[in-house]
Amino acid sequence: MGADDKYSVLLPTYNEKDNLPIIVWLLVKAFTDSGYDFEIIVIDDGSPDGTLDVAKQLQTIYGDKKIVLRPREKKLGLGTAYIHGIKHATGNYVVIMDADLSHHPKFIHQFIEKQKEKDYDLVSGTRYSGNGGVYGWDLKRKVISRGANYVTQVLLRPGASDLTGSFRLYKKKVLEKLVQSCKSKGYVFQMEMVIRARQLGFTIGEVPISFVDRVYGESKLGGNEIYQFAKGLLYLFATT
């Protein structure tokens, strides 16, 4: 670890044209302020709202070394977006986060510092320990999210306090291994990554983060996803 470290941020997008310029600006600022080398890989899944056009404008502003566009034709899901993104990542570390401003880039510096403390294989932003918190969530979402975490902790005992979160820093080679071993889709995917990491003996650090619900756009967590989550949990319980 040292001066040669580079951080590739994977940003899967779907209808994020309003959020993308803000998150990119915040990312560029966070990395520039902390002095770490970085690139932002935008993986747009055929957004009908023109997200890709906005991404192209951002690439013109910041340059194609910092903003890398790797679009796909249609919505193909989070897991495959990460697989797709990793192929194009030139960093030895990968940051995964949401493009909808629910994750603030200011925490990335803390992720990096935490990772260096004990050379962790992955660092996860957690909403449920230390100073972490959730803003703008209604009670239903909080109950579902906390309930999901609690049920998972009880069933699977994975040893990390926020499993459904999607703001993480990975060593690239670790992420490659994990992505290959994960079978889940959508919401459950994030959780399976942590559980598989534990099974494979990878080390996990945690950083408390505050999580802000989506600024623009509809939340992606619908009734169907809650059902998928429950089904996915049972699958993981049966196979771990």
Protein backbone atom coordinates (compact mmCIF):
# COMPACT_ATOMS: atom_id res chain seq x y z
CA MET A 1 0.00 0.00 0.00
CA GLY A 2 1.23 3.46 -0.73
CA ALA A 3 1.67 6.10 -3.37
CA ASP A 4 0.64 3.74 -6.17
CA ASP A 5 -2.83 3.05 -4.75
CA LYS A 6 -5.70 3.94 -7.03
CA TYR A 7 -9.39 3.89 -6.21
CA SER A 8 -11.97 2.97 -8.85
CA VAL A 9 -15.49 4.12 -7.94
CA LEU A 10 -18.22 1.99 -9.55
CA LEU A 11 -21.42 4.01 -10.05
CA PRO A 12 -24.29 1.95 -11.46
CA THR A 13 -26.96 4.38 -12.70
CA TYR A 14 -30.57 4.18 -13.79
CA ASN A 15 -32.48 7.45 -14.23
CA GLU A 16 -30.02 9.56 -12.21
CA LYS A 17 -29.57 12.55 -14.52
CA ASP A 18 -30.28 15.05 -11.73
CA ASN A 19 -28.06 13.35 -9.18
CA LEU A 20 -25.10 12.39 -11.34
CA PRO A 21 -23.49 15.84 -11.73
CA ILE A 22 -23.73 16.41 -7.97
CA ILE A 23 -22.34 13.03 -6.92
CA VAL A 24 -19.51 13.30 -9.47
CA TRP A 25 -18.63 16.80 -8.27
CA LEU A 26 -18.62 15.59 -4.65
CA LEU A 27 -16.48 12.58 -5.56
CA VAL A 28 -13.94 14.65 -7.49
CA LYS A 29 -13.78 17.12 -4.58
CA ALA A 30 -13.38 14.38 -1.95
CA PHE A 31 -10.57 12.63 -3.81
CA THR A 32 -8.83 15.87 -4.80
CA ASP A 33 -8.93 17.13 -1.20
CA SER A 34 -7.53 13.88 0.18
CA GLY A 35 -4.93 13.48 -2.57
CA TYR A 36 -5.77 9.90 -3.57
CA ASP A 37 -5.66 8.79 -7.20
CA PHE A 38 -9.10 7.83 -8.53
CA GLU A 39 -11.41 7.14 -11.46
CA ILE A 40 -15.21 7.08 -11.61
CA ILE A 41 -16.74 4.33 -13.72
CA VAL A 42 -20.34 5.12 -14.68
CA ILE A 43 -22.32 2.01 -15.61
CA ASP A 44 -25.61 3.25 -17.01
CA ASP A 45 -28.26 0.63 -17.76
CA GLY A 46 -29.98 2.31 -20.69
CA SER A 47 -31.66 5.07 -18.63
CA PRO A 48 -34.53 6.61 -20.61
CA ASP A 49 -34.07 9.97 -18.85
CA GLY A 50 -30.78 10.87 -20.58
CA THR A 51 -28.41 9.98 -17.72
CA LEU A 52 -25.82 8.84 -20.26
CA ASP A 53 -25.86 12.23 -22.05
CA VAL A 54 -25.20 13.93 -18.73
CA ALA A 55 -22.36 11.46 -18.06
CA LYS A 56 -20.84 12.33 -21.44
CA GLN A 57 -20.94 16.05 -20.57
CA LEU A 58 -19.24 15.28 -17.25
CA GLN A 59 -16.58 13.32 -19.07
CA THR A 60 -15.91 16.37 -21.25
CA ILE A 61 -15.52 18.50 -18.12
CA TYR A 62 -13.36 16.18 -16.02
CA GLY A 63 -11.62 14.17 -18.74
CA ASP A 64 -11.84 10.52 -19.78
CA LYS A 65 -9.13 9.44 -17.33
CA LYS A 66 -11.33 10.42 -14.40
CA ILE A 67 -14.80 9.70 -15.82
CA VAL A 68 -15.01 6.34 -17.57
CA LEU A 69 -18.27 5.45 -19.31
CA ARG A 70 -19.22 1.79 -19.59
CA PRO A 71 -22.94 1.82 -20.49
CA ARG A 72 -25.14 -1.22 -21.10
CA GLU A 73 -28.21 -1.55 -23.31
CA LYS A 74 -30.80 -2.22 -20.63
CA LYS A 75 -31.40 -2.71 -16.91
CA LEU A 76 -29.45 -5.82 -15.99
CA GLY A 77 -29.12 -5.54 -12.22
CA LEU A 78 -26.55 -4.60 -9.63
CA GLY A 79 -24.48 -7.78 -9.47
CA THR A 80 -23.76 -7.81 -13.19
CA ALA A 81 -23.09 -4.05 -13.12
CA TYR A 82 -20.26 -4.67 -10.65
CA ILE A 83 -18.86 -7.55 -12.70
CA HIS A 84 -19.00 -5.28 -15.77
CA GLY A 85 -17.41 -2.39 -13.90
CA ILE A 86 -14.56 -4.41 -12.35
CA LYS A 87 -13.45 -5.51 -15.82
CA HIS A 88 -12.74 -1.88 -16.67
CA ALA A 89 -11.35 -0.76 -13.29
CA THR A 90 -7.68 0.19 -13.33
CA GLY A 91 -7.44 0.79 -9.57
CA ASN A 92 -6.23 -1.78 -7.02
CA TYR A 93 -9.14 -0.74 -4.77
CA VAL A 94 -12.80 -0.47 -5.71
CA VAL A 95 -15.44 1.71 -4.07
CA ILE A 96 -19.08 0.75 -4.61
CA MET A 97 -21.80 3.24 -3.83
CA ASP A 98 -25.16 4.50 -5.03
CA ALA A 99 -25.36 7.41 -7.46
CA ASP A 100 -28.55 8.79 -5.88
CA LEU A 101 -26.80 10.90 -3.19
CA SER A 102 -27.81 8.55 -0.39
CA HIS A 103 -24.08 7.95 0.17
CA HIS A 104 -21.88 10.98 0.76
CA PRO A 105 -18.39 10.79 -0.79
CA LYS A 106 -16.93 12.62 2.23
CA PHE A 107 -16.85 9.26 4.04
CA ILE A 108 -14.56 7.63 1.46
CA HIS A 109 -11.49 9.18 3.09
CA GLN A 110 -12.47 7.47 6.36
CA PHE A 111 -12.98 4.16 4.50
CA ILE A 112 -9.45 4.44 3.08
CA GLU A 113 -7.94 5.31 6.48
CA LYS A 114 -9.79 2.43 8.15
CA GLN A 115 -8.65 0.02 5.43
CA LYS A 116 -5.01 1.02 5.96
CA GLU A 117 -5.25 0.55 9.75
CA LYS A 118 -5.30 -3.25 9.53
CA ASP A 119 -5.03 -3.85 5.79
CA TYR A 120 -8.70 -4.90 5.72
CA ASP A 121 -9.95 -6.80 2.67
CA LEU A 122 -13.12 -4.73 2.68
CA VAL A 123 -14.54 -1.79 4.57
CA SER A 124 -18.28 -1.33 4.90
CA GLY A 125 -20.17 1.86 5.70
CA THR A 126 -22.60 1.03 8.47
CA ARG A 127 -25.76 2.87 9.46
CA TYR A 128 -26.19 0.89 12.68
CA SER A 129 -23.08 1.45 14.76
CA GLY A 130 -21.23 4.42 16.17
CA ASN A 131 -22.42 7.73 14.73
CA GLY A 132 -24.17 6.24 11.69
CA GLY A 133 -27.78 7.12 11.03
CA VAL A 134 -30.57 7.27 8.50
CA TYR A 135 -32.16 10.57 7.48
CA GLY A 136 -35.32 11.01 5.45
CA TRP A 137 -36.52 7.43 5.83
CA ASP A 138 -40.07 6.85 6.87
CA LEU A 139 -40.77 4.40 9.70
CA LYS A 140 -41.69 1.57 7.32
CA ARG A 141 -38.31 1.73 5.58
CA LYS A 142 -36.47 1.88 8.92
CA VAL A 143 -38.39 -1.09 10.28
CA ILE A 144 -37.80 -3.11 7.11
CA SER A 145 -34.10 -2.26 6.98
CA ARG A 146 -33.44 -2.84 10.67
CA GLY A 147 -35.65 -5.93 10.59
CA ALA A 148 -33.77 -7.25 7.57
CA ASN A 149 -30.47 -6.71 9.36
CA TYR A 150 -31.69 -8.25 12.60
CA VAL A 151 -33.13 -11.36 10.95
CA THR A 152 -29.93 -11.77 8.95
CA GLN A 153 -27.73 -11.35 12.03
CA VAL A 154 -29.72 -14.02 13.87
CA LEU A 155 -29.87 -16.49 10.98
CA LEU A 156 -26.43 -16.04 9.51
CA ARG A 157 -24.25 -14.37 12.19
CA PRO A 158 -21.99 -12.68 9.64
CA GLY A 159 -20.25 -10.35 12.11
CA ALA A 160 -20.91 -7.02 10.41
CA SER A 161 -23.61 -4.67 11.62
CA ASP A 162 -25.02 -3.40 8.32
CA LEU A 163 -25.39 -6.00 5.63
CA THR A 164 -27.82 -4.42 3.23
CA GLY A 165 -25.73 -1.28 2.82
CA SER A 166 -24.13 -0.68 -0.54
CA PHE A 167 -21.37 1.79 0.35
CA ARG A 168 -18.15 -0.18 0.54
CA LEU A 169 -14.45 -0.22 -0.24
CA TYR A 170 -12.90 -3.47 -1.48
CA LYS A 171 -9.49 -4.65 -2.49
CA LYS A 172 -10.12 -5.26 -6.17
CA LYS A 173 -8.97 -8.88 -6.14
CA VAL A 174 -11.24 -9.58 -3.17
CA LEU A 175 -14.25 -8.03 -4.90
CA GLU A 176 -13.55 -10.11 -8.02
CA LYS A 177 -13.60 -13.30 -5.94
CA LEU A 178 -16.75 -12.34 -4.07
CA VAL A 179 -18.72 -11.29 -7.14
CA GLN A 180 -17.98 -14.65 -8.77
CA SER A 181 -19.25 -16.57 -5.72
CA CYS A 182 -22.48 -14.59 -5.29
CA LYS A 183 -25.71 -15.86 -6.80
CA SER A 184 -28.20 -13.29 -5.48
CA LYS A 185 -29.77 -10.36 -7.29
CA GLY A 186 -30.83 -6.88 -6.22
CA TYR A 187 -31.10 -5.99 -2.58
CA VAL A 188 -29.88 -9.37 -1.28
CA PHE A 189 -26.69 -9.17 -3.35
CA GLN A 190 -25.02 -6.71 -0.95
CA MET A 191 -25.78 -8.97 1.95
CA GLU A 192 -24.50 -12.10 0.30
CA MET A 193 -21.22 -10.32 -0.46
CA VAL A 194 -20.55 -9.78 3.27
CA ILE A 195 -21.61 -13.32 4.19
CA ARG A 196 -19.40 -14.87 1.50
CA ALA A 197 -16.54 -12.59 2.61
CA ARG A 198 -16.81 -14.05 6.12
CA GLN A 199 -16.95 -17.61 4.77
CA LEU A 200 -13.84 -17.03 2.67
CA GLY A 201 -12.00 -15.58 5.66
CA PHE A 202 -11.72 -12.01 4.40
CA THR A 203 -11.37 -9.25 7.00
CA ILE A 204 -14.03 -6.54 7.32
CA GLY A 205 -13.64 -3.05 8.76
CA GLU A 206 -16.57 -0.74 9.49
CA VAL A 207 -17.04 3.02 9.29
CA PRO A 208 -20.18 4.67 10.73
CA ILE A 209 -21.94 6.71 8.04
CA SER A 210 -25.06 8.78 7.88
CA PHE A 211 -27.31 7.64 5.06
CA VAL A 212 -29.60 10.13 3.35
CA ASP A 213 -32.60 8.83 1.45
CA ARG A 214 -32.72 9.59 -2.25
CA VAL A 215 -32.71 13.28 -3.09
CA TYR A 216 -34.30 13.00 -6.53
CA GLY A 217 -36.13 10.07 -8.04
CA GLU A 218 -38.22 7.29 -6.58
CA SER A 219 -36.83 4.86 -4.06
CA LYS A 220 -36.02 1.52 -5.64
CA LEU A 221 -37.13 -0.51 -2.60
CA GLY A 222 -40.65 -1.66 -3.49
CA GLY A 223 -42.87 -4.41 -2.11
CA ASN A 224 -41.51 -6.83 -4.68
CA GLU A 225 -37.97 -6.20 -3.47
CA ILE A 226 -38.98 -6.86 0.12
CA TYR A 227 -40.41 -10.21 -1.03
CA GLN A 228 -37.20 -10.92 -2.99
CA PHE A 229 -35.18 -10.05 0.10
CA ALA A 230 -37.08 -12.56 2.25
CA LYS A 231 -36.74 -15.23 -0.42
CA GLY A 232 -33.03 -14.48 -0.81
CA LEU A 233 -32.51 -14.72 2.94
CA LEU A 234 -33.99 -18.19 2.98
CA TYR A 235 -31.72 -19.20 0.08
CA LEU A 236 -28.65 -17.89 1.95
CA PHE A 237 -29.74 -19.58 5.17
CA ALA A 238 -30.07 -22.88 3.32
CA THR A 239 -26.68 -22.60 1.61
CA THR A 240 -24.41 -21.12 4.30
